[in-house]
């Protein structure tokens, strides 16, 4: 359970806000997948939504550490060695 006034230690965004909820969807009515009677604004501020559930995500490493770039460069240089 998340405290209502807690914020992200990295970006400072309020954790109990629309942007941090699993139901947040920019393509849905009022930007929420749940049936809400009115649009909540701003989406990054603390709110008292009863259907709030914290969104959890996992960061994945997308680079290979640069070793493949060096391998490609070495292969290219080997093409033109005399």
PDB file of N, CA and C in Angstrom:
ATOM      1  N   UNK A   1       0.841  -1.182   0.000  1.00  0.00           N
ATOM      2  CA  UNK A   1       0.000   0.000   0.000  1.00  0.00           C
ATOM      3  C   UNK A   1       0.882   1.240   0.000  1.00  0.00           C
ATOM      4  N   UNK A   2       0.527   2.219  -0.789  1.00  0.00           N
ATOM      5  CA  UNK A   2       1.309   3.436  -0.909  1.00  0.00           C
ATOM      6  C   UNK A   2       0.699   4.541  -0.058  1.00  0.00           C
ATOM      7  N   UNK A   3       1.560   5.278   0.643  1.00  0.00           N
ATOM      8  CA  UNK A   3       1.074   6.431   1.397  1.00  0.00           C
ATOM      9  C   UNK A   3       0.572   7.479   0.422  1.00  0.00           C
ATOM     10  N   UNK A   4      -0.487   8.163   0.781  1.00  0.00           N
ATOM     11  CA  UNK A   4      -1.120   9.126  -0.118  1.00  0.00           C
ATOM     12  C   UNK A   4      -0.206  10.293  -0.476  1.00  0.00           C
ATOM     13  N   UNK A   5       0.710  10.680   0.411  1.00  0.00           N
ATOM     14  CA  UNK A   5       1.559  11.838   0.136  1.00  0.00           C
ATOM     15  C   UNK A   5       2.992  11.457  -0.259  1.00  0.00           C
ATOM     16  N   UNK A   6       3.256  10.189  -0.530  1.00  0.00           N
ATOM     17  CA  UNK A   6       4.596   9.733  -0.896  1.00  0.00           C
ATOM     18  C   UNK A   6       4.956  10.204  -2.302  1.00  0.00           C
ATOM     19  N   UNK A   7       6.261  10.367  -2.533  1.00  0.00           N
ATOM     20  CA  UNK A   7       6.721  10.774  -3.863  1.00  0.00           C
ATOM     21  C   UNK A   7       7.919   9.925  -4.279  1.00  0.00           C
ATOM     22  N   UNK A   8       8.166   9.882  -5.581  1.00  0.00           N
ATOM     23  CA  UNK A   8       9.273   9.102  -6.143  1.00  0.00           C
ATOM     24  C   UNK A   8      10.603   9.715  -5.712  1.00  0.00           C
ATOM     25  N   UNK A   9      11.517   8.878  -5.265  1.00  0.00           N
ATOM     26  CA  UNK A   9      12.815   9.379  -4.820  1.00  0.00           C
ATOM     27  C   UNK A   9      13.694   9.837  -5.979  1.00  0.00           C
ATOM     28  N   UNK A  10      13.415   9.359  -7.184  1.00  0.00           N
ATOM     29  CA  UNK A  10      14.225   9.744  -8.345  1.00  0.00           C
ATOM     30  C   UNK A  10      13.697  10.991  -9.046  1.00  0.00           C
ATOM     31  N   UNK A  11      12.389  11.020  -9.344  1.00  0.00           N
ATOM     32  CA  UNK A  11      11.847  12.121 -10.148  1.00  0.00           C
ATOM     33  C   UNK A  11      10.988  13.093  -9.358  1.00  0.00           C
ATOM     34  N   UNK A  12      10.583  12.730  -8.126  1.00  0.00           N
ATOM     35  CA  UNK A  12       9.781  13.602  -7.297  1.00  0.00           C
ATOM     36  C   UNK A  12       8.295  13.579  -7.602  1.00  0.00           C
ATOM     37  N   UNK A  13       7.847  12.774  -8.552  1.00  0.00           N
ATOM     38  CA  UNK A  13       6.435  12.684  -8.911  1.00  0.00           C
ATOM     39  C   UNK A  13       5.650  12.043  -7.762  1.00  0.00           C
ATOM     40  N   UNK A  14       4.467  12.576  -7.496  1.00  0.00           N
ATOM     41  CA  UNK A  14       3.615  12.014  -6.441  1.00  0.00           C
ATOM     42  C   UNK A  14       3.241  10.580  -6.810  1.00  0.00           C
ATOM     43  N   UNK A  15       3.433   9.647  -5.892  1.00  0.00           N
ATOM     44  CA  UNK A  15       3.132   8.245  -6.181  1.00  0.00           C
ATOM     45  C   UNK A  15       1.636   7.987  -6.267  1.00  0.00           C
ATOM     46  N   UNK A  16       0.831   8.682  -5.467  1.00  0.00           N
ATOM     47  CA  UNK A  16      -0.624   8.497  -5.510  1.00  0.00           C
ATOM     48  C   UNK A  16      -1.210   9.509  -6.486  1.00  0.00           C
ATOM     49  N   UNK A  17      -0.792   9.398  -7.749  1.00  0.00           N
ATOM     50  CA  UNK A  17      -1.269  10.283  -8.808  1.00  0.00           C
ATOM     51  C   UNK A  17      -1.675   9.439 -10.008  1.00  0.00           C
ATOM     52  N   UNK A  18      -2.430  10.033 -10.903  1.00  0.00           N
ATOM     53  CA  UNK A  18      -2.921   9.297 -12.072  1.00  0.00           C
ATOM     54  C   UNK A  18      -1.783   8.695 -12.897  1.00  0.00           C
ATOM     55  N   UNK A  19      -0.711   9.455 -13.098  1.00  0.00           N
ATOM     56  CA  UNK A  19       0.384   8.972 -13.941  1.00  0.00           C
ATOM     57  C   UNK A  19       1.103   7.765 -13.356  1.00  0.00           C
ATOM     58  N   UNK A  20       0.945   7.519 -12.069  1.00  0.00           N
ATOM     59  CA  UNK A  20       1.599   6.387 -11.422  1.00  0.00           C
ATOM     60  C   UNK A  20       0.636   5.227 -11.178  1.00  0.00           C
ATOM     61  N   UNK A  21      -0.553   5.283 -11.783  1.00  0.00           N
ATOM     62  CA  UNK A  21      -1.590   4.273 -11.568  1.00  0.00           C
ATOM     63  C   UNK A  21      -1.665   3.297 -12.742  1.00  0.00           C
ATOM     64  N   UNK A  22      -1.990   2.038 -12.463  1.00  0.00           N
ATOM     65  CA  UNK A  22      -2.124   1.034 -13.514  1.00  0.00           C
ATOM     66  C   UNK A  22      -3.284   1.342 -14.454  1.00  0.00           C
ATOM     67  N   UNK A  23      -4.252   2.115 -14.005  1.00  0.00           N
ATOM     68  CA  UNK A  23      -5.417   2.436 -14.823  1.00  0.00           C
ATOM     69  C   UNK A  23      -5.213   3.648 -15.726  1.00  0.00           C
ATOM     70  N   UNK A  24      -4.091   4.356 -15.590  1.00  0.00           N
ATOM     71  CA  UNK A  24      -3.823   5.543 -16.408  1.00  0.00           C
ATOM     72  C   UNK A  24      -3.636   5.128 -17.859  1.00  0.00           C
ATOM     73  N   UNK A  25      -4.409   5.731 -18.748  1.00  0.00           N
ATOM     74  CA  UNK A  25      -4.356   5.404 -20.171  1.00  0.00           C
ATOM     75  C   UNK A  25      -4.766   6.650 -20.957  1.00  0.00           C
ATOM     76  N   UNK A  26      -3.845   7.218 -21.694  1.00  0.00           N
ATOM     77  CA  UNK A  26      -4.125   8.464 -22.414  1.00  0.00           C
ATOM     78  C   UNK A  26      -5.168   8.296 -23.498  1.00  0.00           C
ATOM     79  N   UNK A  27      -5.449   7.076 -23.927  1.00  0.00           N
ATOM     80  CA  UNK A  27      -6.444   6.870 -24.979  1.00  0.00           C
ATOM     81  C   UNK A  27      -7.846   6.604 -24.437  1.00  0.00           C
ATOM     82  N   UNK A  28      -7.984   6.519 -23.119  1.00  0.00           N
ATOM     83  CA  UNK A  28      -9.289   6.269 -22.498  1.00  0.00           C
ATOM     84  C   UNK A  28      -9.979   7.584 -22.134  1.00  0.00           C
ATOM     85  N   UNK A  29     -11.294   7.500 -21.895  1.00  0.00           N
ATOM     86  CA  UNK A  29     -12.064   8.670 -21.472  1.00  0.00           C
ATOM     87  C   UNK A  29     -11.526   9.158 -20.133  1.00  0.00           C
ATOM     88  N   UNK A  30     -11.289  10.420 -19.999  1.00  0.00           N
ATOM     89  CA  UNK A  30     -10.701  11.052 -18.819  1.00  0.00           C
ATOM     90  C   UNK A  30      -9.327  10.473 -18.482  1.00  0.00           C
ATOM     91  N   UNK A  31      -8.690   9.808 -19.459  1.00  0.00           N
ATOM     92  CA  UNK A  31      -7.365   9.195 -19.321  1.00  0.00           C
ATOM     93  C   UNK A  31      -7.319   8.144 -18.203  1.00  0.00           C
ATOM     94  N   UNK A  32      -8.430   7.416 -18.028  1.00  0.00           N
ATOM     95  CA  UNK A  32      -8.502   6.376 -17.005  1.00  0.00           C
ATOM     96  C   UNK A  32      -9.318   5.199 -17.533  1.00  0.00           C
ATOM     97  N   UNK A  33      -8.841   3.980 -17.297  1.00  0.00           N
ATOM     98  CA  UNK A  33      -9.569   2.785 -17.728  1.00  0.00           C
ATOM     99  C   UNK A  33     -10.749   2.462 -16.825  1.00  0.00           C
ATOM    100  N   UNK A  34     -10.805   3.080 -15.661  1.00  0.00           N
ATOM    101  CA  UNK A  34     -11.905   2.879 -14.724  1.00  0.00           C
ATOM    102  C   UNK A  34     -13.008   3.903 -15.001  1.00  0.00           C
ATOM    103  N   UNK A  35     -14.259   3.565 -14.700  1.00  0.00           N
ATOM    104  CA  UNK A  35     -15.339   4.535 -14.900  1.00  0.00           C
ATOM    105  C   UNK A  35     -15.288   5.627 -13.826  1.00  0.00           C
ATOM    106  N   UNK A  36     -14.789   6.784 -14.192  1.00  0.00           N
ATOM    107  CA  UNK A  36     -14.714   7.915 -13.263  1.00  0.00           C
ATOM    108  C   UNK A  36     -15.721   8.976 -13.691  1.00  0.00           C
ATOM    109  N   UNK A  37     -16.361   9.649 -12.756  1.00  0.00           N
ATOM    110  CA  UNK A  37     -17.407  10.617 -13.098  1.00  0.00           C
ATOM    111  C   UNK A  37     -16.878  11.911 -13.712  1.00  0.00           C
ATOM    112  N   UNK A  38     -15.622  12.281 -13.397  1.00  0.00           N
ATOM    113  CA  UNK A  38     -15.064  13.535 -13.913  1.00  0.00           C
ATOM    114  C   UNK A  38     -13.559  13.380 -14.109  1.00  0.00           C
ATOM    115  N   UNK A  39     -13.016  14.204 -14.980  1.00  0.00           N
ATOM    116  CA  UNK A  39     -11.582  14.174 -15.264  1.00  0.00           C
ATOM    117  C   UNK A  39     -10.808  14.712 -14.067  1.00  0.00           C
ATOM    118  N   UNK A  40      -9.758  14.003 -13.665  1.00  0.00           N
ATOM    119  CA  UNK A  40      -8.879  14.437 -12.585  1.00  0.00           C
ATOM    120  C   UNK A  40      -7.742  15.239 -13.222  1.00  0.00           C
ATOM    121  N   UNK A  41      -7.491  16.427 -12.680  1.00  0.00           N
ATOM    122  CA  UNK A  41      -6.439  17.279 -13.220  1.00  0.00           C
ATOM    123  C   UNK A  41      -5.746  17.998 -12.077  1.00  0.00           C
ATOM    124  N   UNK A  42      -4.462  18.121 -12.085  1.00  0.00           N
ATOM    125  CA  UNK A  42      -3.462  17.587 -13.001  1.00  0.00           C
ATOM    126  C   UNK A  42      -3.165  16.117 -12.725  1.00  0.00           C
ATOM    127  N   UNK A  43      -2.688  15.438 -13.727  1.00  0.00           N
ATOM    128  CA  UNK A  43      -2.471  13.989 -13.640  1.00  0.00           C
ATOM    129  C   UNK A  43      -1.247  13.615 -12.808  1.00  0.00           C
ATOM    130  N   UNK A  44      -0.342  14.563 -12.556  1.00  0.00           N
ATOM    131  CA  UNK A  44       0.868  14.244 -11.794  1.00  0.00           C
ATOM    132  C   UNK A  44       0.795  14.721 -10.339  1.00  0.00           C
ATOM    133  N   UNK A  45      -0.373  15.209  -9.907  1.00  0.00           N
ATOM    134  CA  UNK A  45      -0.549  15.675  -8.533  1.00  0.00           C
ATOM    135  C   UNK A  45      -1.243  14.604  -7.687  1.00  0.00           C
ATOM    136  N   UNK A  46      -1.047  14.683  -6.389  1.00  0.00           N
ATOM    137  CA  UNK A  46      -1.687  13.754  -5.456  1.00  0.00           C
ATOM    138  C   UNK A  46      -3.206  13.869  -5.575  1.00  0.00           C
ATOM    139  N   UNK A  47      -3.893  12.726  -5.582  1.00  0.00           N
ATOM    140  CA  UNK A  47      -5.355  12.728  -5.601  1.00  0.00           C
ATOM    141  C   UNK A  47      -5.872  11.631  -4.675  1.00  0.00           C
ATOM    142  N   UNK A  48      -7.166  11.630  -4.449  1.00  0.00           N
ATOM    143  CA  UNK A  48      -7.783  10.674  -3.529  1.00  0.00           C
ATOM    144  C   UNK A  48      -8.650   9.668  -4.265  1.00  0.00           C
ATOM    145  N   UNK A  49      -8.220   9.207  -5.408  1.00  0.00           N
ATOM    146  CA  UNK A  49      -8.984   8.266  -6.219  1.00  0.00           C
ATOM    147  C   UNK A  49      -9.142   6.929  -5.479  1.00  0.00           C
ATOM    148  N   UNK A  50     -10.357   6.422  -5.474  1.00  0.00           N
ATOM    149  CA  UNK A  50     -10.635   5.158  -4.775  1.00  0.00           C
ATOM    150  C   UNK A  50     -10.157   3.940  -5.561  1.00  0.00           C
ATOM    151  N   UNK A  51      -9.991   4.052  -6.878  1.00  0.00           N
ATOM    152  CA  UNK A  51      -9.578   2.909  -7.702  1.00  0.00           C
ATOM    153  C   UNK A  51      -8.077   2.880  -7.977  1.00  0.00           C
ATOM    154  N   UNK A  52      -7.316   3.758  -7.337  1.00  0.00           N
ATOM    155  CA  UNK A  52      -5.873   3.849  -7.559  1.00  0.00           C
ATOM    156  C   UNK A  52      -5.159   2.547  -7.201  1.00  0.00           C
ATOM    157  N   UNK A  53      -4.286   2.106  -8.109  1.00  0.00           N
ATOM    158  CA  UNK A  53      -3.381   0.973  -7.861  1.00  0.00           C
ATOM    159  C   UNK A  53      -2.029   1.375  -8.424  1.00  0.00           C
ATOM    160  N   UNK A  54      -0.989   1.280  -7.618  1.00  0.00           N
ATOM    161  CA  UNK A  54       0.321   1.719  -8.067  1.00  0.00           C
ATOM    162  C   UNK A  54       0.820   0.850  -9.224  1.00  0.00           C
ATOM    163  N   UNK A  55       1.358   1.513 -10.235  1.00  0.00           N
ATOM    164  CA  UNK A  55       1.921   0.821 -11.395  1.00  0.00           C
ATOM    165  C   UNK A  55       3.350   0.432 -11.054  1.00  0.00           C
ATOM    166  N   UNK A  56       3.703  -0.793 -11.356  1.00  0.00           N
ATOM    167  CA  UNK A  56       5.062  -1.255 -11.118  1.00  0.00           C
ATOM    168  C   UNK A  56       5.696  -1.590 -12.456  1.00  0.00           C
ATOM    169  N   UNK A  57       6.894  -1.107 -12.654  1.00  0.00           N
ATOM    170  CA  UNK A  57       7.601  -1.391 -13.899  1.00  0.00           C
ATOM    171  C   UNK A  57       9.030  -1.809 -13.572  1.00  0.00           C
ATOM    172  N   UNK A  58       9.627  -2.517 -14.502  1.00  0.00           N
ATOM    173  CA  UNK A  58      10.988  -3.003 -14.348  1.00  0.00           C
ATOM    174  C   UNK A  58      11.831  -2.404 -15.457  1.00  0.00           C
ATOM    175  N   UNK A  59      12.917  -1.725 -15.060  1.00  0.00           N
ATOM    176  CA  UNK A  59      13.820  -1.180 -16.066  1.00  0.00           C
ATOM    177  C   UNK A  59      14.689  -2.310 -16.596  1.00  0.00           C
ATOM    178  N   UNK A  60      14.844  -2.317 -17.905  1.00  0.00           N
ATOM    179  CA  UNK A  60      15.685  -3.332 -18.534  1.00  0.00           C
ATOM    180  C   UNK A  60      16.854  -2.641 -19.217  1.00  0.00           C
ATOM    181  N   UNK A  61      18.005  -3.277 -19.150  1.00  0.00           N
ATOM    182  CA  UNK A  61      19.174  -2.715 -19.812  1.00  0.00           C
ATOM    183  C   UNK A  61      19.018  -2.916 -21.310  1.00  0.00           C
ATOM    184  N   UNK A  62      19.166  -1.846 -22.066  1.00  0.00           N
ATOM    185  CA  UNK A  62      18.966  -1.926 -23.514  1.00  0.00           C
ATOM    186  C   UNK A  62      20.263  -1.887 -24.295  1.00  0.00           C
ATOM    187  N   UNK A  63      21.379  -1.664 -23.628  1.00  0.00           N
ATOM    188  CA  UNK A  63      22.658  -1.642 -24.336  1.00  0.00           C
ATOM    189  C   UNK A  63      23.473  -2.859 -23.933  1.00  0.00           C
ATOM    190  N   UNK A  64      24.402  -3.215 -24.780  1.00  0.00           N
ATOM    191  CA  UNK A  64      25.243  -4.370 -24.493  1.00  0.00           C
ATOM    192  C   UNK A  64      26.597  -3.953 -23.948  1.00  0.00           C
ATOM    193  N   UNK A  65      26.719  -2.709 -23.528  1.00  0.00           N
ATOM    194  CA  UNK A  65      27.970  -2.264 -22.935  1.00  0.00           C
ATOM    195  C   UNK A  65      28.993  -1.779 -23.941  1.00  0.00           C
ATOM    196  N   UNK A  66      28.645  -1.664 -25.200  1.00  0.00           N
ATOM    197  CA  UNK A  66      29.553  -1.131 -26.199  1.00  0.00           C
ATOM    198  C   UNK A  66      30.492  -2.141 -26.819  1.00  0.00           C
ATOM    199  N   UNK A  67      30.471  -3.386 -26.406  1.00  0.00           N
ATOM    200  CA  UNK A  67      31.389  -4.379 -26.956  1.00  0.00           C
ATOM    201  C   UNK A  67      31.055  -4.692 -28.415  1.00  0.00           C
ATOM    202  N   UNK A  68      29.783  -4.693 -28.775  1.00  0.00           N
ATOM    203  CA  UNK A  68      29.409  -4.987 -30.160  1.00  0.00           C
ATOM    204  C   UNK A  68      29.867  -3.871 -31.091  1.00  0.00           C
ATOM    205  N   UNK A  69      29.847  -2.636 -30.636  1.00  0.00           N
ATOM    206  CA  UNK A  69      30.318  -1.519 -31.466  1.00  0.00           C
ATOM    207  C   UNK A  69      31.802  -1.675 -31.744  1.00  0.00           C
ATOM    208  N   UNK A  70      32.561  -2.076 -30.740  1.00  0.00           N
ATOM    209  CA  UNK A  70      33.995  -2.286 -30.931  1.00  0.00           C
ATOM    210  C   UNK A  70      34.258  -3.473 -31.842  1.00  0.00           C
ATOM    211  N   UNK A  71      33.469  -4.533 -31.742  1.00  0.00           N
ATOM    212  CA  UNK A  71      33.627  -5.691 -32.614  1.00  0.00           C
ATOM    213  C   UNK A  71      33.382  -5.298 -34.071  1.00  0.00           C
ATOM    214  N   UNK A  72      32.352  -4.500 -34.315  1.00  0.00           N
ATOM    215  CA  UNK A  72      32.040  -4.060 -35.678  1.00  0.00           C
ATOM    216  C   UNK A  72      33.147  -3.178 -36.220  1.00  0.00           C
ATOM    217  N   UNK A  73      33.677  -2.295 -35.387  1.00  0.00           N
ATOM    218  CA  UNK A  73      34.764  -1.404 -35.821  1.00  0.00           C
ATOM    219  C   UNK A  73      36.013  -2.212 -36.155  1.00  0.00           C
ATOM    220  N   UNK A  74      36.336  -3.184 -35.332  1.00  0.00           N
ATOM    221  CA  UNK A  74      37.503  -4.035 -35.581  1.00  0.00           C
ATOM    222  C   UNK A  74      37.327  -4.811 -36.879  1.00  0.00           C
ATOM    223  N   UNK A  75      36.151  -5.340 -37.109  1.00  0.00           N
ATOM    224  CA  UNK A  75      35.885  -6.080 -38.347  1.00  0.00           C
ATOM    225  C   UNK A  75      36.023  -5.164 -39.559  1.00  0.00           C
ATOM    226  N   UNK A  76      35.539  -3.934 -39.462  1.00  0.00           N
ATOM    227  CA  UNK A  76      35.646  -2.980 -40.570  1.00  0.00           C
ATOM    228  C   UNK A  76      37.104  -2.646 -40.845  1.00  0.00           C
ATOM    229  N   UNK A  77      37.888  -2.384 -39.793  1.00  0.00           N
ATOM    230  CA  UNK A  77      39.291  -2.065 -39.969  1.00  0.00           C
ATOM    231  C   UNK A  77      40.068  -3.235 -40.546  1.00  0.00           C
ATOM    232  N   UNK A  78      39.681  -4.472 -40.198  1.00  0.00           N
ATOM    233  CA  UNK A  78      40.348  -5.657 -40.727  1.00  0.00           C
ATOM    234  C   UNK A  78      40.109  -5.826 -42.217  1.00  0.00           C
ATOM    235  N   UNK A  79      39.031  -5.277 -42.735  1.00  0.00           N
ATOM    236  CA  UNK A  79      38.762  -5.354 -44.171  1.00  0.00           C
ATOM    237  C   UNK A  79      39.800  -4.627 -45.002  1.00  0.00           C
ATOM    238  N   UNK A  80      40.349  -3.541 -44.459  1.00  0.00           N
ATOM    239  CA  UNK A  80      41.248  -2.686 -45.236  1.00  0.00           C
ATOM    240  C   UNK A  80      42.703  -2.797 -44.826  1.00  0.00           C
ATOM    241  N   UNK A  81      43.046  -3.802 -44.050  1.00  0.00           N
ATOM    242  CA  UNK A  81      44.449  -4.006 -43.687  1.00  0.00           C
ATOM    243  C   UNK A  81      45.206  -4.542 -44.890  1.00  0.00           C
ATOM    244  N   UNK A  82      46.445  -4.161 -44.987  1.00  0.00           N
ATOM    245  CA  UNK A  82      47.275  -4.620 -46.119  1.00  0.00           C
ATOM    246  C   UNK A  82      48.107  -5.798 -45.749  1.00  0.00           C
TER     247      UNK A  82
END
